């Protein structure tokens, strides 16, 4: 989606005007403060690991999945998670429904 959907002009305009969009690498090594909590990288082997924030936001049915699209509300609660490719038209439809 990074090379297709997120380069679509209509998607870009909708995300920029109505949402806060963040692209998070699950292997990010820097600590991230989010919602008054510090999330850190957790190594699990030799140069391998996962970021706690990725675990928090990207876990579906007890498993971390890649990639995952996670939508939060104003209270930072997860209101939608998707781990499948969305075409620009489908993504715009989803964004519209989330605004209702």
N, C-alpha and C. Protein backbone atom coordinates (compact mmCIF):
# COMPACT_ATOMS: atom_id res chain seq x y z
N UNK A 1 0.82 -1.19 0.00
CA UNK A 1 0.00 0.00 0.00
C UNK A 1 0.86 1.25 0.00
N UNK A 2 2.08 1.12 0.55
CA UNK A 2 2.97 2.27 0.63
C UNK A 2 3.28 2.82 -0.76
N UNK A 3 3.42 1.93 -1.74
CA UNK A 3 3.79 2.36 -3.09
C UNK A 3 2.60 2.58 -4.00
N UNK A 4 1.40 2.31 -3.52
CA UNK A 4 0.21 2.47 -4.37
C UNK A 4 -0.83 3.35 -3.68
N UNK A 5 -1.54 2.79 -2.75
CA UNK A 5 -2.65 3.49 -2.10
C UNK A 5 -2.22 4.80 -1.45
N UNK A 6 -1.10 4.77 -0.73
CA UNK A 6 -0.66 5.97 -0.01
C UNK A 6 0.00 7.00 -0.92
N UNK A 7 0.10 6.70 -2.22
CA UNK A 7 0.58 7.69 -3.19
C UNK A 7 -0.58 8.27 -4.00
N UNK A 8 -1.78 7.77 -3.77
CA UNK A 8 -2.97 8.26 -4.45
C UNK A 8 -3.32 9.65 -3.92
N UNK A 9 -3.51 10.60 -4.83
CA UNK A 9 -3.74 11.99 -4.43
C UNK A 9 -4.98 12.16 -3.55
N UNK A 10 -6.05 11.46 -3.87
CA UNK A 10 -7.28 11.58 -3.08
C UNK A 10 -7.06 11.04 -1.66
N UNK A 11 -6.34 9.93 -1.55
CA UNK A 11 -6.02 9.36 -0.23
C UNK A 11 -5.14 10.33 0.56
N UNK A 12 -4.13 10.88 -0.09
CA UNK A 12 -3.22 11.82 0.57
C UNK A 12 -4.00 13.02 1.11
N UNK A 13 -4.87 13.59 0.27
CA UNK A 13 -5.64 14.76 0.70
C UNK A 13 -6.56 14.43 1.87
N UNK A 14 -7.21 13.27 1.84
CA UNK A 14 -8.13 12.87 2.91
C UNK A 14 -7.36 12.64 4.21
N UNK A 15 -6.23 11.95 4.14
CA UNK A 15 -5.42 11.70 5.34
C UNK A 15 -4.90 13.01 5.92
N UNK A 16 -4.43 13.91 5.06
CA UNK A 16 -3.87 15.17 5.54
C UNK A 16 -4.92 16.10 6.13
N UNK A 17 -6.13 16.05 5.61
CA UNK A 17 -7.14 16.99 6.09
C UNK A 17 -7.95 16.47 7.28
N UNK A 18 -8.12 15.16 7.38
CA UNK A 18 -9.06 14.64 8.38
C UNK A 18 -8.48 13.64 9.38
N UNK A 19 -7.23 13.25 9.20
CA UNK A 19 -6.63 12.23 10.06
C UNK A 19 -5.19 12.59 10.39
N UNK A 20 -4.63 11.92 11.38
CA UNK A 20 -3.19 11.96 11.65
C UNK A 20 -2.65 10.62 11.19
N UNK A 21 -1.79 10.64 10.21
CA UNK A 21 -1.25 9.40 9.65
C UNK A 21 0.18 9.21 10.12
N UNK A 22 0.48 8.02 10.63
CA UNK A 22 1.82 7.69 11.08
C UNK A 22 2.20 6.34 10.49
N UNK A 23 3.36 6.29 9.87
CA UNK A 23 3.91 5.05 9.34
C UNK A 23 4.95 4.56 10.34
N UNK A 24 4.73 3.40 10.93
CA UNK A 24 5.62 2.89 11.97
C UNK A 24 6.31 1.62 11.51
N UNK A 25 7.62 1.62 11.58
CA UNK A 25 8.42 0.42 11.31
C UNK A 25 8.42 -0.42 12.58
N UNK A 26 7.96 -1.66 12.51
CA UNK A 26 7.87 -2.52 13.69
C UNK A 26 9.23 -2.84 14.29
N UNK A 27 10.30 -2.58 13.55
CA UNK A 27 11.65 -2.83 14.06
C UNK A 27 12.36 -1.53 14.45
N UNK A 28 11.59 -0.45 14.61
CA UNK A 28 12.14 0.84 15.04
C UNK A 28 12.85 0.67 16.37
N UNK A 29 14.07 1.19 16.46
CA UNK A 29 14.87 0.99 17.67
C UNK A 29 14.78 2.16 18.66
N UNK A 30 14.26 3.29 18.22
CA UNK A 30 14.13 4.43 19.14
C UNK A 30 12.91 4.27 20.04
N UNK A 31 13.03 4.76 21.26
CA UNK A 31 11.88 4.78 22.17
C UNK A 31 10.86 5.79 21.64
N UNK A 32 9.59 5.46 21.79
CA UNK A 32 8.51 6.33 21.33
C UNK A 32 7.56 6.58 22.50
N UNK A 33 7.30 7.85 22.76
CA UNK A 33 6.33 8.20 23.78
C UNK A 33 4.98 8.40 23.10
N UNK A 34 4.00 7.65 23.55
CA UNK A 34 2.66 7.73 22.99
C UNK A 34 1.64 7.55 24.11
N UNK A 35 0.70 8.48 24.20
CA UNK A 35 -0.36 8.42 25.20
C UNK A 35 0.21 8.27 26.62
N UNK A 36 1.22 9.07 26.90
CA UNK A 36 1.86 9.14 28.22
C UNK A 36 2.56 7.84 28.62
N UNK A 37 2.95 7.04 27.66
CA UNK A 37 3.65 5.79 27.92
C UNK A 37 4.86 5.71 26.99
N UNK A 38 5.97 5.20 27.50
CA UNK A 38 7.17 5.04 26.68
C UNK A 38 7.23 3.61 26.17
N UNK A 39 7.24 3.46 24.86
CA UNK A 39 7.35 2.16 24.21
C UNK A 39 8.77 2.00 23.68
N UNK A 40 9.34 0.82 23.85
CA UNK A 40 10.73 0.58 23.46
C UNK A 40 10.85 -0.62 22.55
N UNK A 41 11.99 -0.68 21.90
CA UNK A 41 12.36 -1.82 21.07
C UNK A 41 12.73 -2.98 21.99
N UNK A 42 12.23 -4.16 21.68
CA UNK A 42 12.52 -5.36 22.46
C UNK A 42 13.27 -6.35 21.58
N UNK A 43 14.59 -6.46 21.78
CA UNK A 43 15.34 -7.44 20.99
C UNK A 43 14.92 -8.87 21.35
N UNK A 44 14.90 -9.73 20.34
CA UNK A 44 14.54 -11.13 20.57
C UNK A 44 15.60 -12.08 20.04
N UNK A 45 16.68 -11.53 19.56
CA UNK A 45 17.76 -12.34 19.03
C UNK A 45 18.87 -11.44 18.52
N UNK A 46 19.74 -12.01 17.74
CA UNK A 46 20.87 -11.28 17.18
C UNK A 46 20.39 -10.33 16.09
N UNK A 47 20.30 -9.04 16.42
CA UNK A 47 19.85 -7.99 15.50
C UNK A 47 18.40 -8.21 15.02
N UNK A 48 17.59 -8.82 15.87
CA UNK A 48 16.18 -9.09 15.57
C UNK A 48 15.35 -8.66 16.77
N UNK A 49 14.18 -8.12 16.50
CA UNK A 49 13.29 -7.72 17.59
C UNK A 49 12.08 -6.99 17.06
N UNK A 50 11.30 -6.46 17.98
CA UNK A 50 10.08 -5.75 17.60
C UNK A 50 9.84 -4.62 18.59
N UNK A 51 9.23 -3.57 18.11
CA UNK A 51 8.93 -2.43 18.95
C UNK A 51 7.64 -2.69 19.74
N UNK A 52 7.63 -2.29 21.00
CA UNK A 52 6.45 -2.48 21.85
C UNK A 52 5.20 -1.80 21.29
N UNK A 53 5.38 -0.64 20.66
CA UNK A 53 4.22 0.06 20.10
C UNK A 53 3.64 -0.72 18.92
N UNK A 54 4.50 -1.33 18.12
CA UNK A 54 4.02 -2.17 17.03
C UNK A 54 3.23 -3.35 17.57
N UNK A 55 3.71 -3.93 18.67
CA UNK A 55 2.96 -5.02 19.31
C UNK A 55 1.61 -4.53 19.81
N UNK A 56 1.59 -3.37 20.41
CA UNK A 56 0.36 -2.81 20.97
C UNK A 56 -0.67 -2.53 19.89
N UNK A 57 -0.23 -2.00 18.77
CA UNK A 57 -1.16 -1.58 17.72
C UNK A 57 -1.40 -2.63 16.65
N UNK A 58 -0.44 -3.53 16.45
CA UNK A 58 -0.51 -4.45 15.32
C UNK A 58 -0.85 -5.88 15.64
N UNK A 59 -1.25 -6.15 16.86
CA UNK A 59 -1.59 -7.52 17.22
C UNK A 59 -3.06 -7.79 16.90
N UNK A 60 -3.28 -8.80 16.07
CA UNK A 60 -4.63 -9.24 15.70
C UNK A 60 -4.78 -10.70 16.10
N UNK A 61 -5.82 -11.00 16.83
CA UNK A 61 -6.07 -12.38 17.27
C UNK A 61 -4.86 -12.99 17.96
N UNK A 62 -4.18 -12.20 18.77
CA UNK A 62 -3.06 -12.69 19.55
C UNK A 62 -1.74 -12.79 18.82
N UNK A 63 -1.70 -12.37 17.55
CA UNK A 63 -0.46 -12.43 16.78
C UNK A 63 -0.16 -11.09 16.14
N UNK A 64 1.12 -10.73 16.14
CA UNK A 64 1.55 -9.53 15.43
C UNK A 64 1.56 -9.84 13.95
N UNK A 65 0.88 -9.02 13.17
CA UNK A 65 0.81 -9.24 11.73
C UNK A 65 1.43 -8.05 11.00
N UNK A 66 1.99 -8.33 9.83
CA UNK A 66 2.59 -7.30 8.98
C UNK A 66 1.97 -7.36 7.61
N UNK A 67 1.73 -6.28 6.95
CA UNK A 67 1.55 -4.97 7.57
C UNK A 67 0.17 -4.91 8.19
N UNK A 68 -0.02 -3.94 9.04
CA UNK A 68 -1.34 -3.74 9.64
C UNK A 68 -1.68 -2.25 9.58
N UNK A 69 -2.91 -1.98 9.26
CA UNK A 69 -3.44 -0.62 9.28
C UNK A 69 -4.28 -0.53 10.54
N UNK A 70 -3.96 0.40 11.39
CA UNK A 70 -4.63 0.54 12.68
C UNK A 70 -5.20 1.95 12.78
N UNK A 71 -6.48 2.04 13.10
CA UNK A 71 -7.14 3.34 13.23
C UNK A 71 -7.55 3.52 14.69
N UNK A 72 -7.18 4.67 15.24
CA UNK A 72 -7.50 4.99 16.63
C UNK A 72 -8.52 6.13 16.68
N UNK A 73 -9.31 6.16 17.75
CA UNK A 73 -10.22 7.28 17.94
C UNK A 73 -9.53 8.37 18.77
N UNK A 74 -10.28 9.37 19.18
CA UNK A 74 -9.71 10.50 19.91
C UNK A 74 -9.16 10.11 21.28
N UNK A 75 -9.63 8.99 21.82
CA UNK A 75 -9.15 8.50 23.11
C UNK A 75 -8.00 7.49 22.93
N UNK A 76 -7.50 7.40 21.72
CA UNK A 76 -6.41 6.47 21.36
C UNK A 76 -6.80 5.02 21.54
N UNK A 77 -8.07 4.71 21.35
CA UNK A 77 -8.55 3.34 21.38
C UNK A 77 -8.61 2.83 19.94
N UNK A 78 -8.24 1.57 19.75
CA UNK A 78 -8.28 0.98 18.41
C UNK A 78 -9.73 0.79 18.01
N UNK A 79 -10.10 1.39 16.87
CA UNK A 79 -11.47 1.22 16.38
C UNK A 79 -11.51 0.41 15.09
N UNK A 80 -10.35 0.20 14.46
CA UNK A 80 -10.30 -0.62 13.25
C UNK A 80 -8.87 -1.11 13.03
N UNK A 81 -8.75 -2.35 12.58
CA UNK A 81 -7.46 -2.92 12.20
C UNK A 81 -7.66 -3.73 10.92
N UNK A 82 -6.76 -3.56 9.98
CA UNK A 82 -6.82 -4.29 8.72
C UNK A 82 -5.42 -4.79 8.41
N UNK A 83 -5.32 -6.04 7.98
CA UNK A 83 -4.02 -6.57 7.61
C UNK A 83 -4.03 -7.09 6.18
N UNK A 84 -4.86 -6.47 5.35
CA UNK A 84 -4.89 -6.83 3.95
C UNK A 84 -4.75 -5.57 3.10
N UNK A 85 -4.36 -5.78 1.86
CA UNK A 85 -4.18 -4.68 0.93
C UNK A 85 -5.52 -4.00 0.64
N UNK A 86 -5.53 -2.69 0.65
CA UNK A 86 -6.71 -1.92 0.28
C UNK A 86 -6.36 -1.03 -0.91
N UNK A 87 -7.14 -1.15 -1.98
CA UNK A 87 -6.97 -0.28 -3.14
C UNK A 87 -7.36 1.14 -2.73
N UNK A 88 -6.88 2.16 -3.46
CA UNK A 88 -7.23 3.54 -3.11
C UNK A 88 -8.73 3.77 -2.95
N UNK A 89 -9.55 3.24 -3.85
CA UNK A 89 -11.00 3.45 -3.75
C UNK A 89 -11.56 2.81 -2.48
N UNK A 90 -11.09 1.61 -2.16
CA UNK A 90 -11.56 0.93 -0.95
C UNK A 90 -11.09 1.66 0.30
N UNK A 91 -9.87 2.17 0.26
CA UNK A 91 -9.33 2.89 1.41
C UNK A 91 -10.10 4.19 1.64
N UNK A 92 -10.41 4.90 0.57
CA UNK A 92 -11.20 6.13 0.69
C UNK A 92 -12.59 5.83 1.23
N UNK A 93 -13.18 4.72 0.81
CA UNK A 93 -14.49 4.32 1.33
C UNK A 93 -14.39 4.04 2.83
N UNK A 94 -13.35 3.35 3.25
CA UNK A 94 -13.13 3.08 4.67
C UNK A 94 -12.98 4.37 5.46
N UNK A 95 -12.18 5.30 4.95
CA UNK A 95 -11.98 6.58 5.64
C UNK A 95 -13.30 7.33 5.78
N UNK A 96 -14.11 7.28 4.74
CA UNK A 96 -15.42 7.93 4.80
C UNK A 96 -16.31 7.32 5.87
N UNK A 97 -16.31 6.00 5.96
CA UNK A 97 -17.13 5.31 6.98
C UNK A 97 -16.63 5.62 8.38
N UNK A 98 -15.34 5.76 8.54
CA UNK A 98 -14.78 6.06 9.86
C UNK A 98 -15.17 7.45 10.34
N UNK A 99 -15.49 8.33 9.41
CA UNK A 99 -15.87 9.70 9.77
C UNK A 99 -17.35 9.82 10.12
N UNK A 100 -18.13 8.80 9.86
CA UNK A 100 -19.58 8.86 10.14
C UNK A 100 -19.85 8.81 11.62
